[in-house]
Amino acid sequence: MSKTKDPAPYGERRPVNREWRTATATYTCPMHPEIEQDHPGQCPKCGMTLEPKTIGGVDDEE
């Protein structure tokens, strides 16, 4: 049986990437894009379910 070297020996400090923790999703109404919230819910204007806002401008429809 071969032993592999531990990439982070016990007690060694390494920098932690916390960027993923600070990123937040923005939810918006498909019919009222001016409505934005940081949590899922319903649009206050029409009651539709808010959807996660797409970042990058890539459109699935052709």
Protein backbone atom coordinates (compact mmCIF):
# COMPACT_ATOMS: atom_id res chain seq x y z
CA MET A 1 0.00 0.00 0.00
CA SER A 2 1.47 3.36 -0.98
CA LYS A 3 1.06 6.44 1.11
CA THR A 4 0.27 9.71 -0.58
CA LYS A 5 1.62 12.94 0.77
CA ASP A 6 -1.02 15.12 2.36
CA PRO A 7 -1.29 18.29 0.23
CA ALA A 8 -1.91 20.38 3.37
CA PRO A 9 -0.13 19.00 6.41
CA TYR A 10 -2.02 19.38 9.66
CA GLY A 11 -1.70 22.87 11.03
CA GLU A 12 -0.51 24.49 7.81
CA ARG A 13 -2.38 27.67 6.98
CA ARG A 14 -3.46 28.26 3.42
CA PRO A 15 -5.34 31.18 1.89
CA VAL A 16 -9.03 30.50 1.46
CA ASN A 17 -10.97 31.69 -1.56
CA ARG A 18 -14.08 33.25 -0.03
CA GLU A 19 -15.33 34.84 -3.25
CA TRP A 20 -18.10 32.25 -3.62
CA ARG A 21 -19.46 33.21 -0.22
CA THR A 22 -19.87 36.87 -1.11
CA ALA A 23 -21.58 36.27 -4.44
CA THR A 24 -25.32 36.70 -4.23
CA ALA A 25 -28.00 35.86 -6.71
CA THR A 26 -30.38 38.52 -7.96
CA TYR A 27 -33.96 37.54 -8.71
CA THR A 28 -36.09 39.46 -11.19
CA CYS A 29 -39.56 39.33 -12.71
CA PRO A 30 -39.72 38.21 -16.37
CA MET A 31 -42.42 40.82 -17.04
CA HIS A 32 -41.00 43.62 -14.88
CA PRO A 33 -37.17 43.59 -15.13
CA GLU A 34 -36.95 46.68 -12.94
CA ILE A 35 -38.03 44.50 -9.99
CA GLU A 36 -34.92 42.98 -8.39
CA GLN A 37 -34.56 41.17 -5.08
CA ASP A 38 -31.75 39.26 -3.37
CA HIS A 39 -34.06 36.33 -2.59
CA PRO A 40 -36.69 34.28 -4.46
CA GLY A 41 -40.31 35.30 -4.16
CA GLN A 42 -43.16 36.85 -6.12
CA CYS A 43 -43.24 40.06 -8.12
CA PRO A 44 -45.05 42.78 -6.13
CA LYS A 45 -46.62 44.12 -9.36
CA CYS A 46 -48.02 40.96 -10.99
CA GLY A 47 -47.41 38.07 -8.59
CA MET A 48 -45.22 36.06 -11.00
CA THR A 49 -42.42 33.96 -9.50
CA LEU A 50 -39.10 35.79 -9.59
CA GLU A 51 -36.35 34.05 -11.57
CA PRO A 52 -32.57 34.16 -11.07
CA LYS A 53 -31.08 36.94 -13.17
CA THR A 54 -28.78 35.72 -15.94
CA ILE A 55 -25.36 37.34 -16.03
CA GLY A 56 -23.40 37.58 -19.24
CA GLY A 57 -26.13 38.45 -21.73
CA VAL A 58 -26.26 35.00 -23.33
CA ASP A 59 -29.67 34.40 -24.84
CA ASP A 60 -30.99 30.84 -25.16
CA GLU A 61 -33.59 31.79 -27.75
CA GLU A 62 -32.73 32.27 -31.40
